Amino acid sequence: MKNIILNAGRLLAILSITIFANSAEAQTKKDTAKAITSTVTFTVSDMGCKTDTKMVETALYRKKGVKSVKVEGELITVVYNPDKVKPEELKAVIENTGTCEDPNAKVHKVKINTQ
């Protein structure tokens, strides 16, 4: 009986260490994922109305790797994961997003601002 209790205690200790190690590893991966971001700002012309702005914002959010989008007039700031998407790809998304008047129009002229 004493051996069973002793073995159960050892097993519990091993499980506790394993669970702690796995949770620490998961937290490290989460912290690493948060740290891998870059920011790019674009100057965009012909953002005619709020619907155009929303269409561009939605199109950017659909791109894998985009973390956040902030639109202020003609400036669009995007926080993204550089391992998943490049600024040139984000530029293409903006340029290929139509307008509220013509969803097929390619009127947005985009300049990548240097940091």
C-alpha atoms as a PDB file:
ATOM      1  CA  MET A   1       0.000   0.000   0.000  1.00  0.00           C
ATOM      2  CA  LYS A   2       2.853   2.340   0.874  1.00  0.00           C
ATOM      3  CA  ASN A   3       4.386   1.757  -2.611  1.00  0.00           C
ATOM      4  CA  ILE A   4       1.101   2.631  -4.318  1.00  0.00           C
ATOM      5  CA  ILE A   5       0.858   5.924  -2.417  1.00  0.00           C
ATOM      6  CA  LEU A   6       4.533   6.690  -3.119  1.00  0.00           C
ATOM      7  CA  ASN A   7       4.121   5.932  -6.836  1.00  0.00           C
ATOM      8  CA  ALA A   8       0.937   8.013  -6.977  1.00  0.00           C
ATOM      9  CA  GLY A   9       2.824  10.921  -5.407  1.00  0.00           C
ATOM     10  CA  ARG A  10       5.626  10.609  -7.972  1.00  0.00           C
ATOM     11  CA  LEU A  11       3.116  10.474 -10.811  1.00  0.00           C
ATOM     12  CA  LEU A  12       1.371  13.568  -9.499  1.00  0.00           C
ATOM     13  CA  ALA A  13       4.699  15.408  -9.277  1.00  0.00           C
ATOM     14  CA  ILE A  14       5.586  14.434 -12.858  1.00  0.00           C
ATOM     15  CA  LEU A  15       2.170  15.552 -14.120  1.00  0.00           C
ATOM     16  CA  SER A  16       2.486  18.874 -12.302  1.00  0.00           C
ATOM     17  CA  ILE A  17       5.917  19.533 -13.807  1.00  0.00           C
ATOM     18  CA  THR A  18       4.693  18.574 -17.283  1.00  0.00           C
ATOM     19  CA  ILE A  19       1.621  20.818 -17.058  1.00  0.00           C
ATOM     20  CA  PHE A  20       3.711  23.743 -15.795  1.00  0.00           C
ATOM     21  CA  ALA A  21       6.317  23.249 -18.551  1.00  0.00           C
ATOM     22  CA  ASN A  22       3.630  23.088 -21.242  1.00  0.00           C
ATOM     23  CA  SER A  23       1.886  26.237 -19.988  1.00  0.00           C
ATOM     24  CA  ALA A  24       5.213  28.102 -19.816  1.00  0.00           C
ATOM     25  CA  GLU A  25       6.018  26.991 -23.371  1.00  0.00           C
ATOM     26  CA  ALA A  26       2.575  28.103 -24.588  1.00  0.00           C
ATOM     27  CA  GLN A  27       3.047  31.513 -22.943  1.00  0.00           C
ATOM     28  CA  THR A  28       6.483  31.879 -24.579  1.00  0.00           C
ATOM     29  CA  LYS A  29       4.975  31.111 -27.996  1.00  0.00           C
ATOM     30  CA  LYS A  30       2.199  33.646 -27.355  1.00  0.00           C
ATOM     31  CA  ASP A  31       4.737  36.313 -26.317  1.00  0.00           C
ATOM     32  CA  THR A  32       6.851  35.586 -29.405  1.00  0.00           C
ATOM     33  CA  ALA A  33       3.807  35.856 -31.660  1.00  0.00           C
ATOM     34  CA  LYS A  34       2.967  39.262 -30.179  1.00  0.00           C
ATOM     35  CA  ALA A  35       6.522  40.510 -30.642  1.00  0.00           C
ATOM     36  CA  ILE A  36       6.643  39.769 -34.383  1.00  0.00           C
ATOM     37  CA  THR A  37       4.896  42.832 -35.769  1.00  0.00           C
ATOM     38  CA  SER A  38       5.809  45.746 -37.977  1.00  0.00           C
ATOM     39  CA  THR A  39       3.981  48.935 -38.809  1.00  0.00           C
ATOM     40  CA  VAL A  40       3.595  50.609 -42.189  1.00  0.00           C
ATOM     41  CA  THR A  41       1.787  53.801 -43.122  1.00  0.00           C
ATOM     42  CA  PHE A  42       0.292  54.465 -46.548  1.00  0.00           C
ATOM     43  CA  THR A  43      -0.888  57.695 -48.128  1.00  0.00           C
ATOM     44  CA  VAL A  44      -3.984  56.895 -50.182  1.00  0.00           C
ATOM     45  CA  SER A  45      -5.756  59.137 -52.689  1.00  0.00           C
ATOM     46  CA  ASP A  46      -9.395  59.079 -53.739  1.00  0.00           C
ATOM     47  CA  MET A  47     -10.897  57.855 -50.493  1.00  0.00           C
ATOM     48  CA  GLY A  48     -14.195  59.437 -51.467  1.00  0.00           C
ATOM     49  CA  CYS A  49     -16.497  58.514 -48.613  1.00  0.00           C
ATOM     50  CA  LYS A  50     -16.759  56.581 -45.350  1.00  0.00           C
ATOM     51  CA  THR A  51     -17.914  53.511 -47.258  1.00  0.00           C
ATOM     52  CA  ASP A  52     -14.701  53.572 -49.335  1.00  0.00           C
ATOM     53  CA  THR A  53     -12.717  53.785 -46.117  1.00  0.00           C
ATOM     54  CA  LYS A  54     -14.631  50.855 -44.613  1.00  0.00           C
ATOM     55  CA  MET A  55     -14.176  48.772 -47.784  1.00  0.00           C
ATOM     56  CA  VAL A  56     -10.396  49.299 -47.716  1.00  0.00           C
ATOM     57  CA  GLU A  57     -10.227  48.609 -43.982  1.00  0.00           C
ATOM     58  CA  THR A  58     -12.218  45.376 -44.385  1.00  0.00           C
ATOM     59  CA  ALA A  59     -10.074  44.236 -47.322  1.00  0.00           C
ATOM     60  CA  LEU A  60      -6.897  44.785 -45.280  1.00  0.00           C
ATOM     61  CA  TYR A  61      -8.272  42.865 -42.294  1.00  0.00           C
ATOM     62  CA  ARG A  62      -9.010  39.930 -44.602  1.00  0.00           C
ATOM     63  CA  LYS A  63      -5.319  39.681 -45.477  1.00  0.00           C
ATOM     64  CA  LYS A  64      -3.585  37.038 -43.375  1.00  0.00           C
ATOM     65  CA  GLY A  65      -1.042  38.598 -41.022  1.00  0.00           C
ATOM     66  CA  VAL A  66      -2.802  41.947 -40.538  1.00  0.00           C
ATOM     67  CA  LYS A  67      -3.178  42.726 -36.834  1.00  0.00           C
ATOM     68  CA  SER A  68      -4.758  46.192 -36.912  1.00  0.00           C
ATOM     69  CA  VAL A  69      -5.771  48.933 -39.327  1.00  0.00           C
ATOM     70  CA  LYS A  70      -6.208  52.617 -38.515  1.00  0.00           C
ATOM     71  CA  VAL A  71      -7.586  55.004 -41.130  1.00  0.00           C
ATOM     72  CA  GLU A  72      -7.218  58.756 -40.645  1.00  0.00           C
ATOM     73  CA  GLY A  73      -8.211  60.672 -43.749  1.00  0.00           C
ATOM     74  CA  GLU A  74      -5.691  59.801 -46.454  1.00  0.00           C
ATOM     75  CA  LEU A  75      -3.369  57.968 -44.031  1.00  0.00           C
ATOM     76  CA  ILE A  76      -3.740  54.260 -43.349  1.00  0.00           C
ATOM     77  CA  THR A  77      -1.561  52.660 -40.673  1.00  0.00           C
ATOM     78  CA  VAL A  78      -1.330  48.880 -40.634  1.00  0.00           C
ATOM     79  CA  VAL A  79       0.241  46.702 -37.936  1.00  0.00           C
ATOM     80  CA  TYR A  80       1.126  43.339 -39.450  1.00  0.00           C
ATOM     81  CA  ASN A  81       3.227  40.185 -39.105  1.00  0.00           C
ATOM     82  CA  PRO A  82       6.129  40.530 -41.576  1.00  0.00           C
ATOM     83  CA  ASP A  83       6.473  36.738 -41.731  1.00  0.00           C
ATOM     84  CA  LYS A  84       2.967  36.471 -43.208  1.00  0.00           C
ATOM     85  CA  VAL A  85       2.515  39.584 -45.349  1.00  0.00           C
ATOM     86  CA  LYS A  86       4.694  42.269 -46.970  1.00  0.00           C
ATOM     87  CA  PRO A  87       3.948  46.007 -47.340  1.00  0.00           C
ATOM     88  CA  GLU A  88       3.788  45.630 -51.135  1.00  0.00           C
ATOM     89  CA  GLU A  89       1.001  43.064 -50.725  1.00  0.00           C
ATOM     90  CA  LEU A  90      -0.905  45.445 -48.451  1.00  0.00           C
ATOM     91  CA  LYS A  91      -0.440  48.216 -51.018  1.00  0.00           C
ATOM     92  CA  ALA A  92      -1.900  45.938 -53.698  1.00  0.00           C
ATOM     93  CA  VAL A  93      -4.917  45.176 -51.486  1.00  0.00           C
ATOM     94  CA  ILE A  94      -5.659  48.893 -51.158  1.00  0.00           C
ATOM     95  CA  GLU A  95      -5.146  49.577 -54.867  1.00  0.00           C
ATOM     96  CA  ASN A  96      -7.416  46.685 -55.860  1.00  0.00           C
ATOM     97  CA  THR A  97     -10.272  47.640 -53.550  1.00  0.00           C
ATOM     98  CA  GLY A  98     -13.098  49.371 -55.374  1.00  0.00           C
ATOM     99  CA  THR A  99     -15.241  52.272 -54.269  1.00  0.00           C
ATOM    100  CA  CYS A 100     -18.814  52.515 -53.059  1.00  0.00           C
ATOM    101  CA  GLU A 101     -19.819  53.873 -56.483  1.00  0.00           C
ATOM    102  CA  ASP A 102     -17.958  51.189 -58.466  1.00  0.00           C
ATOM    103  CA  PRO A 103     -16.705  48.071 -56.637  1.00  0.00           C
ATOM    104  CA  ASN A 104     -14.609  47.188 -59.711  1.00  0.00           C
ATOM    105  CA  ALA A 105     -12.857  50.565 -59.909  1.00  0.00           C
ATOM    106  CA  LYS A 106      -9.150  50.666 -59.157  1.00  0.00           C
ATOM    107  CA  VAL A 107      -8.874  54.367 -58.343  1.00  0.00           C
ATOM    108  CA  HIS A 108      -6.862  54.356 -55.124  1.00  0.00           C
ATOM    109  CA  LYS A 109      -3.306  55.562 -55.637  1.00  0.00           C
ATOM    110  CA  VAL A 110      -1.088  54.356 -52.808  1.00  0.00           C
ATOM    111  CA  LYS A 111       2.296  55.514 -51.580  1.00  0.00           C
ATOM    112  CA  ILE A 112       4.190  53.590 -48.901  1.00  0.00           C
ATOM    113  CA  ASN A 113       5.556  56.111 -46.399  1.00  0.00           C
ATOM    114  CA  THR A 114       9.090  55.413 -45.227  1.00  0.00           C
ATOM    115  CA  GLN A 115       9.556  55.071 -41.508  1.00  0.00           C
END
